[in-house]
């Protein structure tokens, strides 16, 4: 990272960004070029979880090459010629969740996070038509842009 004074190495900072972010931008490997999509997700049990259909390009790419990169940012504010934010970037391995109990718990965590009006247990038909992916995080990098904010530290996360 070029601006090392903005780097955040505290794992709690990075996990909080993942809890606060509304979406995650997921980069997958697609025939020699990145393929990036936003996904709704939940940071749950130390991993990143999201759901998708049981077929489609995203799932095809993840099955062909489970290596992914991702990023999320929160508290984005443009002030004059600078931008303030908290962000996290990382890499990991994506896997389709096959254990029914883990899949159900992840769906409950997603529903709770987004306050979705879901009724559990979901029907067998809906459960079968939903794929859950877990990203095992391999690396994380955090950044906190304080510029334009004077000397006010971000509570709890200032180095």
N, C-alpha and C. Protein backbone atom coordinates (compact mmCIF):
# COMPACT_ATOMS: atom_id res chain seq x y z
N UNK A 1 0.85 -1.17 0.00
CA UNK A 1 0.00 0.00 0.00
C UNK A 1 0.89 1.23 0.00
N UNK A 2 0.62 2.11 -0.93
CA UNK A 2 1.46 3.30 -1.08
C UNK A 2 1.36 4.22 0.13
N UNK A 3 0.18 4.48 0.63
CA UNK A 3 -0.01 5.38 1.77
C UNK A 3 -0.12 4.54 3.05
N UNK A 4 1.04 4.11 3.54
CA UNK A 4 1.05 3.19 4.68
C UNK A 4 0.44 3.80 5.94
N UNK A 5 0.41 5.13 6.04
CA UNK A 5 -0.20 5.75 7.21
C UNK A 5 -1.72 5.53 7.23
N UNK A 6 -2.29 5.12 6.12
CA UNK A 6 -3.73 4.84 6.05
C UNK A 6 -4.05 3.35 6.16
N UNK A 7 -3.01 2.53 6.18
CA UNK A 7 -3.23 1.08 6.28
C UNK A 7 -3.71 0.72 7.67
N UNK A 8 -4.69 -0.16 7.73
CA UNK A 8 -5.21 -0.66 8.99
C UNK A 8 -4.93 -2.15 9.06
N UNK A 9 -4.14 -2.56 10.03
CA UNK A 9 -3.77 -3.96 10.15
C UNK A 9 -4.56 -4.69 11.24
N UNK A 10 -5.37 -3.94 11.96
CA UNK A 10 -6.18 -4.51 13.03
C UNK A 10 -7.30 -5.36 12.43
N UNK A 11 -7.30 -6.64 12.74
CA UNK A 11 -8.32 -7.56 12.19
C UNK A 11 -9.72 -7.11 12.59
N UNK A 12 -9.88 -6.56 13.79
CA UNK A 12 -11.20 -6.09 14.24
C UNK A 12 -11.71 -4.97 13.33
N UNK A 13 -10.84 -4.08 12.89
CA UNK A 13 -11.23 -3.01 11.96
C UNK A 13 -11.76 -3.61 10.67
N UNK A 14 -11.02 -4.57 10.10
CA UNK A 14 -11.41 -5.17 8.82
C UNK A 14 -12.71 -5.94 8.94
N UNK A 15 -12.88 -6.67 10.03
CA UNK A 15 -14.12 -7.42 10.22
C UNK A 15 -15.31 -6.47 10.42
N UNK A 16 -15.07 -5.32 11.06
CA UNK A 16 -16.16 -4.35 11.24
C UNK A 16 -16.57 -3.77 9.89
N UNK A 17 -15.63 -3.50 9.02
CA UNK A 17 -15.98 -3.01 7.68
C UNK A 17 -16.84 -4.05 6.98
N UNK A 18 -16.48 -5.33 7.09
CA UNK A 18 -17.28 -6.38 6.47
C UNK A 18 -18.67 -6.47 7.09
N UNK A 19 -18.79 -6.21 8.36
CA UNK A 19 -20.12 -6.22 8.99
C UNK A 19 -20.95 -5.00 8.58
N UNK A 20 -20.29 -3.87 8.35
CA UNK A 20 -20.99 -2.62 8.04
C UNK A 20 -21.34 -2.48 6.57
N UNK A 21 -20.60 -3.10 5.68
CA UNK A 21 -20.79 -2.91 4.24
C UNK A 21 -22.09 -3.54 3.76
N UNK A 22 -22.80 -2.84 2.90
CA UNK A 22 -24.05 -3.34 2.35
C UNK A 22 -23.85 -4.31 1.20
N UNK A 23 -22.74 -4.18 0.50
CA UNK A 23 -22.44 -5.09 -0.59
C UNK A 23 -20.95 -5.34 -0.66
N UNK A 24 -20.63 -6.42 -1.32
CA UNK A 24 -19.24 -6.83 -1.50
C UNK A 24 -19.04 -6.99 -3.00
N UNK A 25 -17.93 -6.49 -3.52
CA UNK A 25 -17.61 -6.66 -4.93
C UNK A 25 -16.69 -7.85 -5.04
N UNK A 26 -17.15 -8.85 -5.75
CA UNK A 26 -16.48 -10.14 -5.86
C UNK A 26 -15.85 -10.27 -7.23
N UNK A 27 -14.53 -10.53 -7.27
CA UNK A 27 -13.80 -10.71 -8.53
C UNK A 27 -13.48 -12.18 -8.70
N UNK A 28 -13.84 -12.69 -9.89
CA UNK A 28 -13.59 -14.09 -10.22
C UNK A 28 -12.74 -14.14 -11.49
N UNK A 29 -12.16 -15.30 -11.74
CA UNK A 29 -11.32 -15.50 -12.93
C UNK A 29 -12.19 -16.00 -14.07
N UNK A 30 -12.17 -15.25 -15.19
CA UNK A 30 -13.02 -15.60 -16.33
C UNK A 30 -12.22 -15.55 -17.62
N UNK A 31 -11.80 -16.70 -18.07
CA UNK A 31 -11.12 -16.81 -19.36
C UNK A 31 -10.06 -15.72 -19.56
N UNK A 32 -9.20 -15.55 -18.60
CA UNK A 32 -8.09 -14.61 -18.73
C UNK A 32 -8.37 -13.17 -18.35
N UNK A 33 -9.58 -12.86 -17.92
CA UNK A 33 -9.91 -11.49 -17.51
C UNK A 33 -10.77 -11.55 -16.25
N UNK A 34 -10.65 -10.58 -15.38
CA UNK A 34 -11.48 -10.57 -14.18
C UNK A 34 -12.96 -10.38 -14.53
N UNK A 35 -13.81 -10.96 -13.73
CA UNK A 35 -15.26 -10.79 -13.83
C UNK A 35 -15.72 -10.37 -12.44
N UNK A 36 -16.26 -9.17 -12.31
CA UNK A 36 -16.58 -8.61 -11.00
C UNK A 36 -18.08 -8.36 -10.89
N UNK A 37 -18.63 -8.78 -9.77
CA UNK A 37 -20.06 -8.59 -9.50
C UNK A 37 -20.27 -8.15 -8.06
N UNK A 38 -21.27 -7.31 -7.80
CA UNK A 38 -21.64 -7.02 -6.42
C UNK A 38 -22.53 -8.15 -5.90
N UNK A 39 -22.34 -8.51 -4.65
CA UNK A 39 -23.19 -9.53 -4.03
C UNK A 39 -23.62 -9.05 -2.64
N UNK A 40 -24.84 -9.42 -2.26
CA UNK A 40 -25.27 -9.26 -0.88
C UNK A 40 -24.59 -10.39 -0.12
N UNK A 41 -24.12 -10.11 1.07
CA UNK A 41 -23.34 -11.10 1.80
C UNK A 41 -23.51 -10.91 3.29
N UNK A 42 -22.99 -11.87 4.01
CA UNK A 42 -22.90 -11.74 5.46
C UNK A 42 -21.52 -12.24 5.88
N UNK A 43 -20.89 -11.51 6.79
CA UNK A 43 -19.66 -11.97 7.42
C UNK A 43 -20.11 -12.80 8.60
N UNK A 44 -19.86 -14.10 8.54
CA UNK A 44 -20.46 -15.05 9.47
C UNK A 44 -19.47 -16.18 9.72
N UNK A 45 -19.26 -16.50 10.97
CA UNK A 45 -18.35 -17.59 11.35
C UNK A 45 -16.98 -17.46 10.68
N UNK A 46 -16.47 -16.24 10.63
CA UNK A 46 -15.13 -15.99 10.11
C UNK A 46 -15.00 -16.04 8.60
N UNK A 47 -16.09 -16.21 7.88
CA UNK A 47 -16.04 -16.26 6.42
C UNK A 47 -17.06 -15.31 5.81
N UNK A 48 -17.03 -15.23 4.51
CA UNK A 48 -17.98 -14.42 3.76
C UNK A 48 -18.94 -15.39 3.09
N UNK A 49 -20.23 -15.19 3.28
CA UNK A 49 -21.26 -16.08 2.76
C UNK A 49 -22.22 -15.29 1.89
N UNK A 50 -22.64 -15.87 0.78
CA UNK A 50 -23.67 -15.27 -0.05
C UNK A 50 -24.45 -16.38 -0.72
N UNK A 51 -25.59 -16.01 -1.28
CA UNK A 51 -26.40 -17.01 -1.96
C UNK A 51 -26.60 -16.61 -3.42
N UNK A 52 -26.92 -17.58 -4.23
CA UNK A 52 -27.15 -17.35 -5.65
C UNK A 52 -28.02 -18.48 -6.20
N UNK A 53 -28.33 -18.39 -7.47
CA UNK A 53 -29.06 -19.46 -8.13
C UNK A 53 -28.15 -20.68 -8.25
N UNK A 54 -28.74 -21.80 -8.54
CA UNK A 54 -27.96 -23.05 -8.65
C UNK A 54 -27.31 -23.21 -10.02
N UNK A 55 -27.48 -22.24 -10.90
CA UNK A 55 -26.78 -22.25 -12.18
C UNK A 55 -26.57 -20.82 -12.63
N UNK A 56 -25.58 -20.63 -13.49
CA UNK A 56 -25.28 -19.31 -14.01
C UNK A 56 -23.78 -19.10 -14.11
N UNK A 57 -23.40 -17.98 -14.72
CA UNK A 57 -21.99 -17.71 -14.98
C UNK A 57 -21.16 -17.63 -13.70
N UNK A 58 -21.68 -16.94 -12.70
CA UNK A 58 -20.94 -16.79 -11.44
C UNK A 58 -20.58 -18.16 -10.86
N UNK A 59 -21.56 -19.03 -10.78
CA UNK A 59 -21.33 -20.35 -10.22
C UNK A 59 -20.40 -21.18 -11.11
N UNK A 60 -20.56 -21.07 -12.43
CA UNK A 60 -19.66 -21.77 -13.35
C UNK A 60 -18.22 -21.34 -13.14
N UNK A 61 -18.00 -20.03 -12.99
CA UNK A 61 -16.64 -19.52 -12.79
C UNK A 61 -16.06 -19.97 -11.45
N UNK A 62 -16.88 -19.94 -10.41
CA UNK A 62 -16.39 -20.36 -9.10
C UNK A 62 -16.06 -21.85 -9.06
N UNK A 63 -16.83 -22.65 -9.76
CA UNK A 63 -16.53 -24.08 -9.81
C UNK A 63 -15.27 -24.36 -10.62
N UNK A 64 -15.03 -23.57 -11.67
CA UNK A 64 -13.85 -23.75 -12.50
C UNK A 64 -12.58 -23.28 -11.80
N UNK A 65 -12.69 -22.22 -11.01
CA UNK A 65 -11.54 -21.66 -10.30
C UNK A 65 -12.05 -20.97 -9.05
N UNK A 66 -11.88 -21.58 -7.89
CA UNK A 66 -12.45 -21.03 -6.66
C UNK A 66 -11.69 -19.83 -6.08
N UNK A 67 -10.57 -19.44 -6.68
CA UNK A 67 -9.82 -18.29 -6.17
C UNK A 67 -10.58 -17.01 -6.49
N UNK A 68 -10.77 -16.18 -5.47
CA UNK A 68 -11.50 -14.92 -5.64
C UNK A 68 -10.76 -13.78 -4.95
N UNK A 69 -11.12 -12.58 -5.34
CA UNK A 69 -10.71 -11.37 -4.64
C UNK A 69 -11.99 -10.60 -4.37
N UNK A 70 -11.95 -9.73 -3.37
CA UNK A 70 -13.15 -8.98 -3.01
C UNK A 70 -12.77 -7.66 -2.37
N UNK A 71 -13.71 -6.74 -2.39
CA UNK A 71 -13.53 -5.46 -1.73
C UNK A 71 -14.87 -4.93 -1.26
N UNK A 72 -14.83 -4.16 -0.19
CA UNK A 72 -16.02 -3.49 0.34
C UNK A 72 -15.56 -2.18 0.95
N UNK A 73 -16.42 -1.17 0.88
CA UNK A 73 -16.10 0.14 1.46
C UNK A 73 -17.34 0.72 2.11
N UNK A 74 -17.12 1.49 3.16
CA UNK A 74 -18.21 2.14 3.89
C UNK A 74 -17.80 3.56 4.26
N UNK A 75 -18.77 4.33 4.69
CA UNK A 75 -18.54 5.71 5.14
C UNK A 75 -17.85 6.54 4.07
N UNK A 76 -18.28 6.36 2.83
CA UNK A 76 -17.66 7.08 1.71
C UNK A 76 -18.20 8.50 1.68
N UNK A 77 -17.29 9.48 1.72
CA UNK A 77 -17.68 10.88 1.69
C UNK A 77 -16.65 11.66 0.88
N UNK A 78 -17.12 12.34 -0.15
CA UNK A 78 -16.24 13.19 -0.97
C UNK A 78 -16.24 14.57 -0.35
N UNK A 79 -15.04 15.06 -0.08
CA UNK A 79 -14.88 16.39 0.52
C UNK A 79 -13.87 17.16 -0.31
N UNK A 80 -14.34 18.04 -1.16
CA UNK A 80 -13.45 18.80 -2.02
C UNK A 80 -12.75 17.88 -3.00
N UNK A 81 -11.43 17.80 -2.87
CA UNK A 81 -10.66 16.96 -3.79
C UNK A 81 -10.22 15.65 -3.17
N UNK A 82 -10.79 15.31 -2.06
CA UNK A 82 -10.40 14.05 -1.41
C UNK A 82 -11.65 13.23 -1.06
N UNK A 83 -11.43 11.98 -0.79
CA UNK A 83 -12.51 11.07 -0.41
C UNK A 83 -12.12 10.38 0.89
N UNK A 84 -13.06 10.35 1.83
CA UNK A 84 -12.87 9.62 3.08
C UNK A 84 -13.63 8.31 3.00
N UNK A 85 -13.11 7.27 3.63
CA UNK A 85 -13.78 5.97 3.63
C UNK A 85 -13.05 5.01 4.54
N UNK A 86 -13.73 3.90 4.84
CA UNK A 86 -13.11 2.72 5.43
C UNK A 86 -13.28 1.61 4.41
N UNK A 87 -12.23 0.84 4.16
CA UNK A 87 -12.35 -0.22 3.17
C UNK A 87 -11.54 -1.44 3.56
N UNK A 88 -11.90 -2.54 2.91
CA UNK A 88 -11.16 -3.79 3.07
C UNK A 88 -11.08 -4.45 1.70
N UNK A 89 -9.94 -5.02 1.42
CA UNK A 89 -9.72 -5.84 0.22
C UNK A 89 -9.18 -7.18 0.69
N UNK A 90 -9.49 -8.22 -0.04
CA UNK A 90 -8.99 -9.52 0.37
C UNK A 90 -9.03 -10.54 -0.74
N UNK A 91 -8.53 -11.70 -0.39
CA UNK A 91 -8.56 -12.85 -1.29
C UNK A 91 -9.07 -14.04 -0.50
N UNK A 92 -9.53 -15.05 -1.24
CA UNK A 92 -10.00 -16.24 -0.57
C UNK A 92 -10.35 -17.33 -1.56
N UNK A 93 -10.85 -18.42 -1.00
CA UNK A 93 -11.29 -19.56 -1.79
C UNK A 93 -12.78 -19.75 -1.58
N UNK A 94 -13.52 -19.79 -2.68
CA UNK A 94 -14.97 -19.95 -2.62
C UNK A 94 -15.33 -21.43 -2.74
N UNK A 95 -16.29 -21.83 -1.94
CA UNK A 95 -16.77 -23.21 -2.02
C UNK A 95 -18.28 -23.24 -1.91
N UNK A 96 -18.89 -24.15 -2.66
CA UNK A 96 -20.33 -24.36 -2.55
C UNK A 96 -20.58 -25.10 -1.24
N UNK A 97 -21.52 -24.60 -0.46
CA UNK A 97 -21.86 -25.22 0.81
C UNK A 97 -22.82 -26.38 0.54
N UNK A 98 -22.39 -27.59 0.87
CA UNK A 98 -23.21 -28.77 0.61
C UNK A 98 -23.89 -29.30 1.87
N UNK A 99 -23.39 -28.96 3.03
CA UNK A 99 -23.99 -29.40 4.28
C UNK A 99 -25.31 -28.65 4.51
N UNK A 100 -26.44 -29.36 4.57
CA UNK A 100 -27.74 -28.69 4.72
C UNK A 100 -27.84 -27.80 5.96
N UNK A 101 -27.26 -28.22 7.08
CA UNK A 101 -27.34 -27.42 8.31
C UNK A 101 -26.56 -26.12 8.16
N UNK A 102 -25.35 -26.19 7.59
CA UNK A 102 -24.55 -24.98 7.38
C UNK A 102 -25.24 -24.04 6.39
N UNK A 103 -25.81 -24.61 5.34
CA UNK A 103 -26.53 -23.82 4.35
C UNK A 103 -27.71 -23.11 4.99
N UNK A 104 -28.47 -23.80 5.81
CA UNK A 104 -29.62 -23.22 6.48
C UNK A 104 -29.19 -22.11 7.45
N UNK A 105 -28.13 -22.34 8.21
CA UNK A 105 -27.65 -21.32 9.15
C UNK A 105 -27.17 -20.08 8.41
N UNK A 106 -26.51 -20.27 7.27
CA UNK A 106 -26.05 -19.12 6.47
C UNK A 106 -27.25 -18.34 5.92
N UNK A 107 -28.26 -19.05 5.45
CA UNK A 107 -29.45 -18.36 4.95
C UNK A 107 -30.15 -17.59 6.06
N UNK A 108 -30.19 -18.14 7.26
CA UNK A 108 -30.76 -17.42 8.40
C UNK A 108 -29.95 -16.17 8.72
N UNK A 109 -28.62 -16.28 8.66
CA UNK A 109 -27.75 -15.13 8.94
C UNK A 109 -27.93 -14.04 7.88
N UNK A 110 -28.06 -14.45 6.62
CA UNK A 110 -28.32 -13.48 5.55
C UNK A 110 -29.67 -12.80 5.76
N UNK A 111 -30.69 -13.57 6.06
CA UNK A 111 -32.03 -13.01 6.26
C UNK A 111 -32.03 -12.03 7.43
N UNK A 112 -31.36 -12.38 8.51
CA UNK A 112 -31.30 -11.51 9.68
C UNK A 112 -30.55 -10.22 9.34
N UNK A 113 -29.45 -10.34 8.62
CA UNK A 113 -28.66 -9.16 8.29
C UNK A 113 -29.44 -8.16 7.47
N UNK A 114 -30.19 -8.65 6.50
CA UNK A 114 -30.94 -7.77 5.61
C UNK A 114 -32.40 -7.62 6.01
N UNK A 115 -32.74 -8.13 7.19
CA UNK A 115 -34.09 -8.05 7.74
C UNK A 115 -35.13 -8.51 6.72
N UNK A 116 -34.80 -9.59 6.04
CA UNK A 116 -35.70 -10.16 5.03
C UNK A 116 -36.85 -10.88 5.73
N UNK A 117 -38.04 -10.76 5.20
CA UNK A 117 -39.20 -11.41 5.82
C UNK A 117 -39.29 -12.89 5.45
N UNK A 118 -38.27 -13.64 5.80
CA UNK A 118 -38.22 -15.07 5.48
C UNK A 118 -38.80 -15.88 6.63
N UNK A 119 -39.40 -16.98 6.27
CA UNK A 119 -39.92 -17.91 7.26
C UNK A 119 -39.09 -19.18 7.18
N UNK A 120 -38.56 -19.58 8.32
CA UNK A 120 -37.75 -20.80 8.36
C UNK A 120 -38.51 -21.88 9.11
N UNK A 121 -38.38 -23.10 8.69
CA UNK A 121 -37.56 -23.55 7.56
C UNK A 121 -38.21 -23.18 6.23
N UNK A 122 -37.37 -22.90 5.24
CA UNK A 122 -37.88 -22.60 3.90
C UNK A 122 -38.35 -23.91 3.27
N UNK A 123 -39.17 -23.80 2.27
CA UNK A 123 -39.68 -25.00 1.61
C UNK A 123 -38.54 -25.78 0.98
N UNK A 124 -38.73 -27.07 0.83
CA UNK A 124 -37.72 -27.91 0.18
C UNK A 124 -37.40 -27.40 -1.21
N UNK A 125 -38.42 -26.94 -1.93
CA UNK A 125 -38.24 -26.45 -3.29
C UNK A 125 -37.34 -25.20 -3.30
N UNK A 126 -37.60 -24.24 -2.42
CA UNK A 126 -36.77 -23.03 -2.36
C UNK A 126 -35.36 -23.37 -1.89
N UNK A 127 -35.27 -24.25 -0.91
CA UNK A 127 -33.96 -24.64 -0.38
C UNK A 127 -33.11 -25.28 -1.48
N UNK A 128 -33.71 -26.15 -2.28
CA UNK A 128 -33.00 -26.83 -3.36
C UNK A 128 -32.62 -25.86 -4.48
N UNK A 129 -33.41 -24.80 -4.68
CA UNK A 129 -33.17 -23.85 -5.76
C UNK A 129 -32.18 -22.76 -5.36
N UNK A 130 -31.66 -22.83 -4.14
CA UNK A 130 -30.73 -21.81 -3.64
C UNK A 130 -29.37 -22.43 -3.38
N UNK A 131 -28.36 -21.78 -3.92
CA UNK A 131 -26.97 -22.20 -3.69
C UNK A 131 -26.35 -21.22 -2.69
N UNK A 132 -25.61 -21.74 -1.74
CA UNK A 132 -24.90 -20.90 -0.78
C UNK A 132 -23.41 -21.11 -1.00
N UNK A 133 -22.69 -20.00 -1.07
CA UNK A 133 -21.24 -20.01 -1.26
C UNK A 133 -20.58 -19.44 -0.01
N UNK A 134 -19.51 -20.09 0.42
CA UNK A 134 -18.70 -19.58 1.54
C UNK A 134 -17.32 -19.26 1.00
N UNK A 135 -16.84 -18.08 1.31
CA UNK A 135 -15.47 -17.71 0.96
C UNK A 135 -14.62 -17.83 2.21
N UNK A 136 -13.66 -18.74 2.15
CA UNK A 136 -12.67 -18.86 3.23
C UNK A 136 -11.63 -17.77 2.98
N UNK A 137 -11.55 -16.82 3.87
CA UNK A 137 -10.66 -15.68 3.69
C UNK A 137 -9.21 -16.11 3.86
N UNK A 138 -8.39 -15.74 2.88
CA UNK A 138 -6.96 -16.02 2.95
C UNK A 138 -6.15 -14.79 3.32
N UNK A 139 -6.55 -13.61 2.83
CA UNK A 139 -5.82 -12.39 3.16
C UNK A 139 -6.79 -11.22 3.22
N UNK A 140 -6.45 -10.25 4.07
CA UNK A 140 -7.23 -9.03 4.21
C UNK A 140 -6.29 -7.84 4.33
N UNK A 141 -6.69 -6.73 3.73
CA UNK A 141 -5.98 -5.46 3.86
C UNK A 141 -7.03 -4.40 4.15
N UNK A 142 -6.77 -3.58 5.16
CA UNK A 142 -7.72 -2.53 5.51
C UNK A 142 -7.14 -1.16 5.26
N UNK A 143 -8.01 -0.22 4.97
CA UNK A 143 -7.57 1.16 4.75
C UNK A 143 -8.60 2.10 5.34
N UNK A 144 -8.09 3.15 5.96
CA UNK A 144 -8.93 4.18 6.54
C UNK A 144 -8.41 5.52 6.06
N UNK A 145 -9.16 6.19 5.22
CA UNK A 145 -8.76 7.49 4.72
C UNK A 145 -9.29 8.56 5.65
N UNK A 146 -8.38 9.17 6.39
CA UNK A 146 -8.76 10.20 7.35
C UNK A 146 -8.62 11.60 6.76
N UNK A 147 -8.03 11.71 5.60
CA UNK A 147 -7.72 13.00 4.99
C UNK A 147 -8.97 13.87 4.88
N UNK A 148 -8.81 15.13 5.11
CA UNK A 148 -9.93 16.06 5.05
C UNK A 148 -10.72 16.08 6.34
N UNK A 149 -10.30 15.33 7.30
CA UNK A 149 -11.02 15.18 8.55
C UNK A 149 -10.28 15.84 9.72
N UNK A 150 -9.15 16.46 9.42
CA UNK A 150 -8.36 17.04 10.48
C UNK A 150 -7.71 15.96 11.32
N UNK A 151 -7.62 16.19 12.60
CA UNK A 151 -6.94 15.25 13.50
C UNK A 151 -7.92 14.35 14.24
N UNK A 152 -9.20 14.41 13.90
CA UNK A 152 -10.18 13.59 14.62
C UNK A 152 -9.98 12.12 14.30
N UNK A 153 -9.69 11.31 15.29
CA UNK A 153 -9.54 9.87 15.03
C UNK A 153 -10.88 9.19 14.89
N UNK A 154 -10.89 8.09 14.18
CA UNK A 154 -12.10 7.27 14.11
C UNK A 154 -12.17 6.51 15.44
N UNK A 155 -13.27 6.58 16.14
CA UNK A 155 -13.36 5.90 17.43
C UNK A 155 -13.01 4.42 17.32
N UNK A 156 -12.23 3.96 18.24
CA UNK A 156 -11.90 2.55 18.40
C UNK A 156 -10.88 2.00 17.40
N UNK A 157 -10.72 2.63 16.23
CA UNK A 157 -9.87 2.06 15.21
C UNK A 157 -8.62 2.86 14.92
N UNK A 158 -8.43 3.99 15.57
CA UNK A 158 -7.24 4.79 15.33
C UNK A 158 -6.00 4.03 15.81
N UNK A 159 -4.96 4.03 14.98
CA UNK A 159 -3.72 3.34 15.35
C UNK A 159 -2.94 4.15 16.34
